Amino acid sequence: MDKLHDARQAEPVVSIIGGGLAGCEAAWQAAAFGCRVILHEMKPERYSPAHHSSSLAELVCSNSLRSDAPDSAVGLLKDEMRALGSLVIRVAERHRVPAGKALAVDRELFAAFITETINQHPRITVVHHEVGELPSDCGLDPANPLILATGPLTTDALTNALGAITGQEYLAFYDAIAPIIATDSLDRTIIYQASRYDDGPGDYLNCPFDREQYQAFIEALGQATSVPLKPFEEPKYFEGCLPIEVMLARGPETLRFGPMKPVGLPDPRTGRDPFAVVQLRKENVAGDQVNMVGFQTKLTYSEQKRVFAMIPGLERAEFTRLGSIHRNTFVCAPKVLTPFLQIKGRPGLLLAGQITGVEGYVESTAMGILAGRNAACLALGLPLSTPSPETAHGALLGHLTQSEAKHFQPSNVNFGLFPAFASKLPKRQRGQYRAQKALAALAQWQTSPTGRPLD
């Protein structure tokens, strides 16, 4: 606490706790506005259960930032982030790996480059230590703003500190991460390369099932042992990141209409779509590792090895990382946050990243952009403003602050969060129309002090 207190009292600066995607992006944005930034990161002094690298911006789940299509909601969000000078998106494009229409990265090169960029910035100071508590006056002085960007694995100490301010009952749920496999352990006589509906070799490796293989697989999966939750833990999974065994519990065909959907992936040996398919995506530029797309799981390690060996082509798979369950900490944003990502009643305390109640790398980073800019405006005495709800950033803010609190759940960006159309449009034109409207509205917002950095 002393290091945090001293850094914040020296002069009006933006302080940030957490060096993940949102924290790094917030630091970059605040520095662009001319603020001095103190970024507190607990690694390598202490690691969370899911973190292993000392780098900033470590990706612990998938290496994909999802679709780059400009007429998709997440593609539009990334286009807006590019317009706002996002460090994370710029570095992701520099270190991307083939992933069809998605933006996926070599996670080690990506994190290393962001770490170097942040450390070399003349206005940003990185302090490596664990912040175990918040000062009693935290957030009461908006001229010395603090951004909490500690991510889905916020420490118990900071969770309790935040809970004392916001209400402990709104803070935790759990999601899971997918396994990674050594590419040279795959059986390429069975596994074939293709992207859904695309001509050419494609960017995904596909493990095809016939009906009997699928039936045997789901029977084994349904009987496999999972890691039990602790007595005080309540499983509240994000719908977009359900463990595969939880999906299976909803019905035997659920996986075939989810991560194992075979449509548009004909097996070149038969010319027909398989009955089901498991897709593998490159994990790094070298291509010596792949991850199992959509295969988040909370099975025990031994059960993962046993059951996943039943996937055609993975009989001798070497797992370089097995799936695991982890806690995700977030607030009930409609009760807790203002449209500027400030804690209500604490105008100098802002949240960024997944802790706000968004889900996904891109969405978390986008909240880092907004929190960093808002904190800079507070420190510099500039007025606050928010992007239009017609933008992807504004739509996410609307979800956070205008949803019904009783049923609030973290969400990825999607067009359902945007304002309704004034008139009907053909479905094929809707994404493009949304994108045009959003980018025009964002450009107009960028003429305001909040939207325009100093350099």
Protein backbone atom coordinates (compact mmCIF):
# COMPACT_ATOMS: atom_id res chain seq x y z
CA MET A 1 0.00 0.00 0.00
CA ASP A 2 2.87 2.41 0.76
CA LYS A 3 4.26 2.22 -2.78
CA LEU A 4 0.81 2.86 -4.23
CA HIS A 5 0.15 5.70 -1.80
CA ASP A 6 3.53 7.36 -2.40
CA ALA A 7 3.23 7.15 -6.18
CA ARG A 8 -0.20 8.69 -6.17
CA GLN A 9 0.69 11.51 -3.79
CA ALA A 10 3.84 12.75 -5.57
CA GLU A 11 1.85 14.67 -8.22
CA PRO A 12 -1.41 14.28 -10.12
CA VAL A 13 -0.83 11.10 -12.13
CA VAL A 14 -2.84 8.16 -13.37
CA SER A 15 -2.15 5.04 -11.29
CA ILE A 16 -3.08 1.62 -12.60
CA ILE A 17 -3.12 -1.72 -10.83
CA GLY A 18 -2.74 -4.65 -13.22
CA GLY A 19 -0.49 -5.13 -16.24
CA GLY A 20 -2.75 -7.24 -18.42
CA LEU A 21 -4.32 -6.17 -21.70
CA ALA A 22 -6.65 -3.59 -20.15
CA GLY A 23 -4.02 -2.17 -17.79
CA CYS A 24 -1.40 -1.81 -20.52
CA GLU A 25 -3.90 -0.23 -22.89
CA ALA A 26 -5.11 2.18 -20.19
CA ALA A 27 -1.50 3.17 -19.47
CA TRP A 28 -0.78 3.74 -23.16
CA GLN A 29 -3.90 5.87 -23.63
CA ALA A 30 -3.37 7.99 -20.49
CA ALA A 31 0.25 8.60 -21.48
CA ALA A 32 -0.87 9.70 -24.95
CA PHE A 33 -2.94 12.39 -23.25
CA GLY A 34 0.21 13.71 -21.58
CA CYS A 35 -0.21 12.13 -18.15
CA ARG A 36 2.47 10.44 -16.09
CA VAL A 37 1.44 6.86 -15.43
CA ILE A 38 2.42 4.48 -12.61
CA LEU A 39 1.59 0.90 -13.60
CA HIS A 40 1.61 -1.59 -10.70
CA GLU A 41 2.07 -5.25 -11.70
CA MET A 42 2.50 -8.04 -9.16
CA LYS A 43 4.47 -10.37 -11.47
CA PRO A 44 7.12 -11.68 -11.04
CA GLU A 45 6.75 -11.15 -7.30
CA ARG A 46 3.58 -13.22 -7.39
CA TYR A 47 1.74 -15.18 -10.08
CA SER A 48 -1.94 -16.06 -10.34
CA PRO A 49 -2.82 -19.75 -10.84
CA ALA A 50 -3.17 -19.21 -14.62
CA HIS A 51 -0.17 -16.94 -15.27
CA HIS A 52 3.32 -18.27 -15.98
CA SER A 53 5.21 -15.51 -17.84
CA SER A 54 6.78 -12.42 -16.31
CA SER A 55 5.68 -10.39 -19.34
CA LEU A 56 2.93 -7.82 -19.32
CA ALA A 57 -0.21 -8.51 -21.39
CA GLU A 58 0.09 -12.30 -20.98
CA LEU A 59 -2.68 -14.21 -22.78
CA VAL A 60 -3.79 -17.10 -20.60
CA CYS A 61 -6.74 -18.52 -22.55
CA SER A 62 -7.03 -18.57 -26.34
CA ASN A 63 -4.53 -16.77 -28.57
CA SER A 64 -7.36 -15.47 -30.78
CA LEU A 65 -8.82 -11.97 -30.73
CA ARG A 66 -11.70 -13.38 -32.83
CA SER A 67 -13.12 -12.16 -36.13
CA ASP A 68 -11.47 -9.36 -38.06
CA ALA A 69 -14.43 -8.97 -40.45
CA PRO A 70 -15.38 -5.25 -40.45
CA ASP A 71 -19.11 -6.04 -40.60
CA SER A 72 -18.99 -8.24 -37.47
CA ALA A 73 -19.47 -6.72 -34.03
CA VAL A 74 -16.02 -7.69 -32.75
CA GLY A 75 -14.43 -6.70 -36.08
CA LEU A 76 -16.10 -3.30 -35.79
CA LEU A 77 -14.86 -2.95 -32.21
CA LYS A 78 -11.31 -3.59 -33.41
CA ASP A 79 -11.70 -1.01 -36.19
CA GLU A 80 -12.80 1.53 -33.58
CA MET A 81 -9.83 0.60 -31.41
CA ARG A 82 -7.49 1.13 -34.36
CA ALA A 83 -9.00 4.59 -34.82
CA LEU A 84 -8.37 5.29 -31.12
CA GLY A 85 -4.70 4.34 -31.35
CA SER A 86 -4.89 1.00 -29.54
CA LEU A 87 -1.50 -0.41 -28.62
CA VAL A 88 -2.87 -3.93 -28.20
CA ILE A 89 -4.44 -4.11 -31.66
CA ARG A 90 -1.34 -2.64 -33.33
CA VAL A 91 0.92 -5.19 -31.66
CA ALA A 92 -1.53 -8.04 -32.37
CA GLU A 93 -1.39 -7.23 -36.07
CA ARG A 94 2.40 -7.15 -35.94
CA HIS A 95 2.56 -10.65 -34.39
CA ARG A 96 -0.48 -12.35 -35.93
CA VAL A 97 -0.57 -16.02 -36.93
CA PRO A 98 -2.82 -17.55 -39.63
CA ALA A 99 -6.35 -18.10 -38.32
CA GLY A 100 -8.71 -17.67 -41.24
CA LYS A 101 -10.83 -14.57 -40.77
CA ALA A 102 -9.77 -14.22 -37.13
CA LEU A 103 -6.96 -12.13 -35.62
CA ALA A 104 -4.81 -14.59 -33.67
CA VAL A 105 -1.32 -13.94 -32.30
CA ASP A 106 1.89 -15.61 -31.25
CA ARG A 107 1.26 -14.99 -27.59
CA GLU A 108 4.92 -14.92 -26.48
CA LEU A 109 6.05 -12.43 -29.15
CA PHE A 110 2.91 -10.36 -28.58
CA ALA A 111 3.45 -10.08 -24.81
CA ALA A 112 7.18 -9.45 -25.15
CA PHE A 113 6.66 -6.57 -27.58
CA ILE A 114 4.01 -4.90 -25.41
CA THR A 115 6.25 -5.28 -22.36
CA GLU A 116 9.15 -3.63 -24.15
CA THR A 117 6.94 -0.82 -25.51
CA ILE A 118 5.43 -0.03 -22.12
CA ASN A 119 8.79 -0.15 -20.33
CA GLN A 120 10.38 2.21 -22.85
CA HIS A 121 7.62 4.82 -22.75
CA PRO A 122 9.03 7.98 -21.14
CA ARG A 123 5.78 8.75 -19.26
CA ILE A 124 5.11 5.24 -17.93
CA THR A 125 6.79 3.73 -14.88
CA VAL A 126 6.20 0.06 -14.16
CA VAL A 127 6.44 -0.95 -10.49
CA HIS A 128 6.66 -4.70 -9.90
CA HIS A 129 5.03 -5.45 -6.56
CA GLU A 130 1.74 -6.77 -5.26
CA VAL A 131 -0.82 -4.19 -4.15
CA GLY A 132 -2.56 -5.95 -1.30
CA GLU A 133 -5.05 -3.26 -0.28
CA LEU A 134 -6.45 0.08 -1.32
CA PRO A 135 -5.86 3.31 0.63
CA SER A 136 -8.87 4.36 2.71
CA ASP A 137 -9.23 7.50 0.59
CA CYS A 138 -8.96 5.58 -2.68
CA GLY A 139 -11.11 7.11 -5.38
CA LEU A 140 -12.22 10.16 -3.41
CA ASP A 141 -9.87 12.54 -5.24
CA PRO A 142 -10.58 12.54 -8.99
CA ALA A 143 -7.44 14.62 -9.64
CA ASN A 144 -5.37 11.54 -8.69
CA PRO A 145 -7.31 8.75 -10.40
CA LEU A 146 -6.65 5.05 -9.91
CA ILE A 147 -7.67 2.37 -12.42
CA LEU A 148 -8.20 -1.16 -11.14
CA ALA A 149 -7.47 -3.50 -14.06
CA THR A 150 -6.60 -6.69 -12.24
CA GLY A 151 -8.53 -8.98 -14.55
CA PRO A 152 -10.40 -12.22 -14.05
CA LEU A 153 -7.97 -13.50 -11.43
CA THR A 154 -7.95 -10.54 -9.05
CA THR A 155 -6.27 -11.55 -5.79
CA ASP A 156 -8.39 -12.30 -2.75
CA ALA A 157 -7.00 -9.23 -1.00
CA LEU A 158 -8.01 -6.82 -3.74
CA THR A 159 -11.30 -8.64 -4.31
CA ASN A 160 -12.12 -8.09 -0.65
CA ALA A 161 -11.07 -4.45 -0.87
CA LEU A 162 -13.26 -3.93 -3.93
CA GLY A 163 -16.07 -5.87 -2.32
CA ALA A 164 -16.00 -3.56 0.68
CA ILE A 165 -16.72 -0.70 -1.72
CA THR A 166 -19.11 -2.34 -4.19
CA GLY A 167 -20.67 -5.30 -2.38
CA GLN A 168 -18.96 -8.67 -2.18
CA GLU A 169 -21.95 -10.61 -3.52
CA TYR A 170 -21.46 -9.29 -7.06
CA LEU A 171 -17.86 -10.28 -7.61
CA ALA A 172 -17.08 -13.84 -8.74
CA PHE A 173 -17.90 -16.46 -11.35
CA TYR A 174 -15.82 -19.08 -13.11
CA ASP A 175 -14.78 -19.95 -16.65
CA ALA A 176 -12.32 -22.39 -18.18
CA ILE A 177 -9.36 -22.54 -20.60
CA ALA A 178 -8.65 -24.95 -23.47
CA PRO A 179 -5.73 -27.37 -23.91
CA ILE A 180 -2.69 -26.81 -26.18
CA ILE A 181 -1.10 -29.68 -28.15
CA ALA A 182 2.31 -30.20 -29.76
CA THR A 183 1.76 -30.22 -33.53
CA ASP A 184 4.25 -33.01 -34.22
CA SER A 185 2.19 -35.38 -32.06
CA LEU A 186 -0.86 -35.12 -34.35
CA ASP A 187 -1.82 -37.93 -36.74
CA ARG A 188 -1.93 -36.11 -40.07
CA THR A 189 -3.16 -39.22 -41.88
CA ILE A 190 -6.50 -38.54 -40.17
CA ILE A 191 -6.48 -34.81 -39.47
CA TYR A 192 -7.01 -32.53 -42.49
CA GLN A 193 -6.51 -28.81 -43.05
CA ALA A 194 -9.48 -26.58 -43.90
CA SER A 195 -11.33 -23.43 -42.83
CA ARG A 196 -15.11 -23.50 -42.82
CA TYR A 197 -16.54 -22.95 -46.33
CA ASP A 198 -13.16 -21.68 -47.63
CA ASP A 199 -11.38 -22.95 -50.72
CA GLY A 200 -7.73 -23.87 -50.39
CA PRO A 201 -5.91 -25.45 -47.46
CA GLY A 202 -7.37 -23.17 -44.75
CA ASP A 203 -5.92 -22.21 -41.38
CA TYR A 204 -7.47 -24.89 -39.15
CA LEU A 205 -6.69 -28.56 -38.59
CA ASN A 206 -9.78 -30.73 -38.33
CA CYS A 207 -10.30 -34.00 -36.47
CA PRO A 208 -13.28 -35.79 -38.11
CA PHE A 209 -15.74 -38.07 -36.30
CA ASP A 210 -18.19 -40.56 -37.70
CA ARG A 211 -21.40 -41.22 -35.79
CA GLU A 212 -20.02 -44.13 -33.78
CA GLN A 213 -16.86 -42.27 -32.80
CA TYR A 214 -18.87 -39.26 -31.69
CA GLN A 215 -21.21 -41.40 -29.60
CA ALA A 216 -18.30 -43.13 -27.87
CA PHE A 217 -16.61 -39.78 -27.25
CA ILE A 218 -19.62 -38.07 -25.64
CA GLU A 219 -20.31 -41.14 -23.49
CA ALA A 220 -16.74 -41.03 -22.16
CA LEU A 221 -16.92 -37.26 -21.72
CA GLY A 222 -20.20 -37.50 -19.83
CA GLN A 223 -18.74 -40.03 -17.40
CA ALA A 224 -15.37 -38.31 -16.90
CA THR A 225 -14.34 -36.81 -13.58
CA SER A 226 -14.17 -33.05 -13.21
CA VAL A 227 -12.16 -30.96 -10.77
CA PRO A 228 -14.53 -30.29 -7.87
CA LEU A 229 -15.25 -26.74 -6.82
CA LYS A 230 -14.38 -25.70 -3.32
CA PRO A 231 -17.30 -25.65 -0.86
CA PHE A 232 -17.55 -21.84 -0.99
CA GLU A 233 -17.42 -21.65 -4.81
CA GLU A 234 -20.56 -21.26 -6.92
CA PRO A 235 -20.26 -22.17 -10.62
CA LYS A 236 -21.57 -19.21 -12.64
CA TYR A 237 -20.16 -19.83 -16.11
CA PHE A 238 -20.10 -17.27 -18.92
CA GLU A 239 -22.33 -18.60 -21.71
CA GLY A 240 -19.71 -17.86 -24.38
CA CYS A 241 -17.02 -19.90 -22.61
CA LEU A 242 -18.80 -22.95 -21.22
CA PRO A 243 -16.75 -26.06 -20.39
CA ILE A 244 -17.50 -28.72 -22.97
CA GLU A 245 -18.77 -31.13 -20.32
CA VAL A 246 -21.26 -28.49 -19.16
CA MET A 247 -22.44 -28.05 -22.76
CA LEU A 248 -22.81 -31.81 -23.14
CA ALA A 249 -25.02 -31.96 -20.05
CA ARG A 250 -27.58 -29.92 -22.02
CA GLY A 251 -28.04 -32.71 -24.55
CA PRO A 252 -26.11 -35.23 -26.70
CA GLU A 253 -26.28 -33.06 -29.83
CA THR A 254 -25.20 -29.81 -28.15
CA LEU A 255 -21.52 -30.16 -29.08
CA ARG A 256 -22.38 -30.90 -32.73
CA PHE A 257 -24.16 -27.54 -32.89
CA GLY A 258 -21.37 -25.78 -30.97
CA PRO A 259 -17.59 -26.25 -31.00
CA MET A 260 -17.84 -29.59 -32.86
CA LYS A 261 -20.05 -28.31 -35.70
CA PRO A 262 -18.94 -30.10 -38.91
CA VAL A 263 -20.80 -27.97 -41.49
CA GLY A 264 -18.64 -26.51 -44.28
CA LEU A 265 -15.65 -28.73 -43.48
CA PRO A 266 -15.77 -31.63 -45.96
CA ASP A 267 -13.23 -34.39 -45.36
CA PRO A 268 -11.05 -34.58 -48.52
CA ARG A 269 -10.99 -38.37 -48.22
CA THR A 270 -14.77 -38.65 -48.56
CA GLY A 271 -15.85 -35.31 -50.04
CA ARG A 272 -18.54 -35.10 -47.34
CA ASP A 273 -18.85 -33.24 -44.03
CA PRO A 274 -18.00 -35.52 -41.10
CA PHE A 275 -20.58 -36.25 -38.42
CA ALA A 276 -18.70 -33.97 -36.01
CA VAL A 277 -15.30 -32.30 -35.91
CA VAL A 278 -12.81 -30.91 -33.41
CA GLN A 279 -10.87 -27.94 -34.80
CA LEU A 280 -7.27 -27.06 -33.93
CA ARG A 281 -5.78 -23.59 -34.46
CA LYS A 282 -2.14 -22.46 -34.57
CA GLU A 283 -0.92 -21.28 -31.18
CA ASN A 284 2.27 -19.55 -32.37
CA VAL A 285 4.05 -18.34 -35.49
CA ALA A 286 6.30 -21.40 -35.56
CA GLY A 287 3.19 -23.56 -35.75
CA ASP A 288 4.64 -26.17 -33.40
CA GLN A 289 1.65 -25.87 -31.06
CA VAL A 290 -2.10 -25.81 -31.65
CA ASN A 291 -5.02 -25.17 -29.34
CA MET A 292 -8.35 -26.98 -29.24
CA VAL A 293 -10.94 -24.49 -30.45
CA GLY A 294 -13.85 -24.12 -28.04
CA PHE A 295 -12.62 -26.95 -25.78
CA GLN A 296 -12.54 -25.16 -22.44
CA THR A 297 -12.82 -27.79 -19.73
CA LYS A 298 -12.70 -28.47 -16.02
CA LEU A 299 -11.95 -32.19 -16.34
CA THR A 300 -9.08 -33.50 -14.26
CA TYR A 301 -5.75 -33.66 -16.10
CA SER A 302 -5.75 -37.45 -16.24
CA GLU A 303 -9.30 -37.51 -17.61
CA GLN A 304 -8.45 -34.93 -20.27
CA LYS A 305 -5.60 -37.10 -21.53
CA ARG A 306 -7.82 -40.20 -21.54
CA VAL A 307 -10.94 -38.71 -23.13
CA PHE A 308 -9.24 -36.41 -25.64
CA ALA A 309 -7.14 -39.34 -26.89
CA MET A 310 -10.46 -40.65 -28.28
CA ILE A 311 -10.57 -37.74 -30.74
CA PRO A 312 -9.56 -39.02 -34.19
CA GLY A 313 -5.99 -37.92 -34.86
CA LEU A 314 -5.20 -37.18 -31.21
CA GLU A 315 -4.57 -40.75 -30.10
CA ARG A 316 -0.92 -39.92 -29.35
CA ALA A 317 -1.35 -36.21 -28.67
CA GLU A 318 1.25 -34.52 -26.46
CA PHE A 319 -0.44 -31.82 -24.39
CA THR A 320 1.81 -28.85 -23.65
CA ARG A 321 -0.98 -27.28 -21.57
CA LEU A 322 -4.10 -28.94 -20.26
CA GLY A 323 -7.38 -27.17 -19.67
CA SER A 324 -8.32 -25.79 -16.29
CA ILE A 325 -10.99 -23.84 -14.53
CA HIS A 326 -10.35 -20.39 -13.13
CA ARG A 327 -12.20 -17.68 -11.30
CA ASN A 328 -13.36 -14.57 -13.10
CA THR A 329 -13.94 -11.51 -10.94
CA PHE A 330 -16.36 -8.82 -12.06
CA VAL A 331 -18.76 -6.29 -10.61
CA CYS A 332 -22.49 -5.94 -11.12
CA ALA A 333 -21.84 -2.98 -13.39
CA PRO A 334 -25.39 -1.53 -13.54
CA LYS A 335 -25.29 -1.13 -9.76
CA VAL A 336 -21.64 -0.15 -9.44
CA LEU A 337 -20.38 1.84 -12.45
CA THR A 338 -21.03 5.22 -14.00
CA PRO A 339 -20.92 5.54 -17.83
CA PHE A 340 -17.31 6.73 -17.40
CA LEU A 341 -16.29 3.45 -15.70
CA GLN A 342 -16.01 5.17 -12.31
CA ILE A 343 -17.20 3.49 -9.13
CA LYS A 344 -20.32 5.32 -8.02
CA GLY A 345 -19.46 7.58 -5.10
CA ARG A 346 -15.72 7.19 -5.81
CA PRO A 347 -15.10 9.40 -8.87
CA GLY A 348 -11.35 8.83 -8.82
CA LEU A 349 -11.60 5.02 -8.80
CA LEU A 350 -12.17 3.48 -12.23
CA LEU A 351 -12.37 -0.10 -13.45
CA ALA A 352 -11.03 -1.52 -16.71
CA GLY A 353 -11.03 -4.91 -18.39
CA GLN A 354 -13.06 -7.98 -17.51
CA ILE A 355 -13.68 -6.77 -13.99
CA THR A 356 -16.13 -4.22 -15.47
CA GLY A 357 -18.41 -7.01 -16.70
CA VAL A 358 -17.31 -7.48 -20.29
CA GLU A 359 -15.99 -10.75 -21.63
CA GLY A 360 -13.14 -11.34 -24.05
CA TYR A 361 -9.69 -10.01 -24.82
CA VAL A 362 -10.89 -7.35 -27.25
CA GLU A 363 -13.71 -6.09 -25.05
CA SER A 364 -11.43 -5.96 -22.01
CA THR A 365 -8.87 -3.96 -23.95
CA ALA A 366 -11.58 -1.60 -25.21
CA MET A 367 -12.58 -0.84 -21.62
CA GLY A 368 -8.89 -0.15 -20.95
CA ILE A 369 -8.96 2.44 -23.73
CA LEU A 370 -11.96 4.20 -22.21
CA ALA A 371 -10.74 3.98 -18.61
CA GLY A 372 -7.30 5.31 -19.55
CA ARG A 373 -8.78 8.25 -21.43
CA ASN A 374 -11.30 9.03 -18.71
CA ALA A 375 -8.65 8.87 -15.99
CA ALA A 376 -6.41 11.18 -18.02
CA CYS A 377 -9.25 13.67 -18.39
CA LEU A 378 -9.84 13.59 -14.64
CA ALA A 379 -6.15 14.15 -13.89
CA LEU A 380 -5.94 17.01 -16.41
CA GLY A 381 -9.23 18.64 -15.41
CA LEU A 382 -10.86 17.96 -18.78
CA PRO A 383 -14.57 17.16 -19.20
CA LEU A 384 -15.67 13.53 -19.47
CA SER A 385 -17.73 12.20 -22.34
CA THR A 386 -18.72 8.81 -23.71
CA PRO A 387 -18.83 7.54 -27.29
CA SER A 388 -22.25 7.26 -28.93
CA PRO A 389 -24.29 4.10 -28.25
CA GLU A 390 -24.15 3.57 -32.02
CA THR A 391 -20.46 2.68 -31.61
CA ALA A 392 -19.24 -0.69 -30.37
CA HIS A 393 -17.56 1.01 -27.40
CA GLY A 394 -20.77 2.86 -26.57
CA ALA A 395 -22.84 -0.32 -26.95
CA LEU A 396 -20.62 -2.10 -24.42
CA LEU A 397 -20.95 0.81 -22.00
CA GLY A 398 -24.72 0.61 -22.46
CA HIS A 399 -24.66 -3.06 -21.54
CA LEU A 400 -22.60 -2.34 -18.44
CA THR A 401 -24.63 0.59 -17.14
CA GLN A 402 -28.16 0.12 -18.51
CA SER A 403 -28.78 -3.62 -18.16
CA GLU A 404 -31.18 -4.94 -15.56
CA ALA A 405 -28.99 -5.44 -12.50
CA LYS A 406 -30.88 -8.51 -11.30
CA HIS A 407 -30.00 -10.47 -14.43
CA PHE A 408 -26.69 -8.86 -15.36
CA GLN A 409 -24.15 -11.19 -16.96
CA PRO A 410 -20.79 -10.47 -18.63
CA SER A 411 -21.04 -10.21 -22.40
CA ASN A 412 -18.94 -10.12 -25.52
CA VAL A 413 -19.70 -7.32 -27.96
CA ASN A 414 -22.58 -8.21 -30.27
CA PHE A 415 -25.04 -6.30 -32.42
CA GLY A 416 -27.83 -7.11 -29.98
CA LEU A 417 -26.27 -4.51 -27.64
CA PHE A 418 -26.66 -1.74 -30.24
CA PRO A 419 -29.72 0.54 -30.60
CA ALA A 420 -32.54 -0.97 -32.66
CA PHE A 421 -32.78 -0.08 -36.34
CA ALA A 422 -35.16 2.76 -37.14
CA SER A 423 -36.35 0.81 -40.19
CA LYS A 424 -35.95 -2.72 -41.50
CA LEU A 425 -32.80 -3.62 -43.41
CA PRO A 426 -31.90 -6.82 -45.27
CA LYS A 427 -29.87 -9.04 -42.97
CA ARG A 428 -26.81 -9.05 -45.27
CA GLN A 429 -26.61 -5.24 -45.10
CA ARG A 430 -26.96 -4.80 -41.33
CA GLY A 431 -23.34 -5.33 -40.30
CA GLN A 432 -22.00 -2.94 -42.92
CA TYR A 433 -24.63 -0.33 -42.00
CA ARG A 434 -23.75 -0.65 -38.30
CA ALA A 435 -20.06 -0.25 -39.08
CA GLN A 436 -20.57 2.87 -41.19
CA LYS A 437 -22.75 4.52 -38.56
CA ALA A 438 -20.40 3.55 -35.73
CA LEU A 439 -17.19 4.77 -37.32
CA ALA A 440 -18.82 8.07 -38.31
CA ALA A 441 -20.08 8.56 -34.73
CA LEU A 442 -16.66 7.65 -33.32
CA ALA A 443 -14.93 10.16 -35.60
CA GLN A 444 -17.28 12.86 -34.33
CA TRP A 445 -16.56 11.89 -30.70
CA GLN A 446 -12.84 12.10 -31.37
CA THR A 447 -13.15 15.84 -31.88
CA SER A 448 -14.03 16.19 -28.17
CA PRO A 449 -11.28 16.54 -25.51
CA THR A 450 -11.93 13.01 -24.27
CA GLY A 451 -11.60 11.57 -27.75
CA ARG A 452 -8.46 13.46 -28.78
CA PRO A 453 -5.07 12.66 -27.22
CA LEU A 454 -2.40 15.33 -27.02
CA ASP A 455 0.15 13.30 -28.97
